[in-house]
Amino acid sequence: MASNIISSVETLEAFPEIGRIVPEYDNPQTREITYRNYRNVY
């Protein structure tokens, strides 16, 4: 499972805007990607 999370985060290097904008922050540059129940905010 950890390798899948790391893999999803590594995808951001090529596609930094792939994640959705975090709704509770008022900043369109703050995004998140999720893997199962894990949320990675960047």
C-alpha atoms as a PDB file:
ATOM      1  CA  MET A   1       0.000   0.000   0.000  1.00  0.00           C
ATOM      2  CA  ALA A   2       2.843   2.412   0.799  1.00  0.00           C
ATOM      3  CA  SER A   3       4.339   1.929  -2.644  1.00  0.00           C
ATOM      4  CA  ASN A   4       0.982   2.829  -4.228  1.00  0.00           C
ATOM      5  CA  ILE A   5       0.814   6.048  -2.207  1.00  0.00           C
ATOM      6  CA  ILE A   6       4.383   6.928  -3.182  1.00  0.00           C
ATOM      7  CA  SER A   7       3.626   6.164  -6.817  1.00  0.00           C
ATOM      8  CA  SER A   8       0.618   8.477  -6.823  1.00  0.00           C
ATOM      9  CA  VAL A   9       2.714  11.271  -5.293  1.00  0.00           C
ATOM     10  CA  GLU A  10       5.513  10.732  -7.823  1.00  0.00           C
ATOM     11  CA  THR A  11       3.000  11.324 -10.615  1.00  0.00           C
ATOM     12  CA  LEU A  12       2.849  14.936  -9.453  1.00  0.00           C
ATOM     13  CA  GLU A  13       6.305  15.582 -10.842  1.00  0.00           C
ATOM     14  CA  ALA A  14       4.970  15.261 -14.382  1.00  0.00           C
ATOM     15  CA  PHE A  15       1.397  16.451 -13.709  1.00  0.00           C
ATOM     16  CA  PRO A  16       1.424  18.912 -10.777  1.00  0.00           C
ATOM     17  CA  GLU A  17      -2.166  20.031 -11.323  1.00  0.00           C
ATOM     18  CA  ILE A  18      -3.648  16.546 -11.429  1.00  0.00           C
ATOM     19  CA  GLY A  19      -5.163  16.804  -7.964  1.00  0.00           C
ATOM     20  CA  ARG A  20      -8.337  18.563  -7.034  1.00  0.00           C
ATOM     21  CA  ILE A  21      -8.385  21.923  -5.290  1.00  0.00           C
ATOM     22  CA  VAL A  22      -8.793  21.483  -1.533  1.00  0.00           C
ATOM     23  CA  PRO A  23     -12.277  22.778  -0.711  1.00  0.00           C
ATOM     24  CA  GLU A  24     -11.566  23.970   2.840  1.00  0.00           C
ATOM     25  CA  TYR A  25      -8.666  26.197   1.767  1.00  0.00           C
ATOM     26  CA  ASP A  26      -9.302  29.362  -0.183  1.00  0.00           C
ATOM     27  CA  ASN A  27      -6.268  28.864  -2.409  1.00  0.00           C
ATOM     28  CA  PRO A  28      -6.464  27.353  -5.901  1.00  0.00           C
ATOM     29  CA  GLN A  29      -2.793  26.359  -5.665  1.00  0.00           C
ATOM     30  CA  THR A  30      -3.425  24.020  -2.724  1.00  0.00           C
ATOM     31  CA  ARG A  31      -4.403  20.641  -4.117  1.00  0.00           C
ATOM     32  CA  GLU A  32      -4.841  17.087  -2.960  1.00  0.00           C
ATOM     33  CA  ILE A  33      -4.664  13.566  -4.250  1.00  0.00           C
ATOM     34  CA  THR A  34      -6.101  10.598  -2.432  1.00  0.00           C
ATOM     35  CA  TYR A  35      -5.370   6.929  -2.286  1.00  0.00           C
ATOM     36  CA  ARG A  36      -8.021   4.927  -0.481  1.00  0.00           C
ATOM     37  CA  ASN A  37      -8.447   6.711   2.871  1.00  0.00           C
ATOM     38  CA  TYR A  38      -5.158   8.622   2.639  1.00  0.00           C
ATOM     39  CA  ARG A  39      -5.161  12.254   1.637  1.00  0.00           C
ATOM     40  CA  ASN A  40      -2.026  13.975   0.366  1.00  0.00           C
ATOM     41  CA  VAL A  41      -2.259  17.757   0.350  1.00  0.00           C
ATOM     42  CA  TYR A  42       0.320  19.703  -1.637  1.00  0.00           C
END
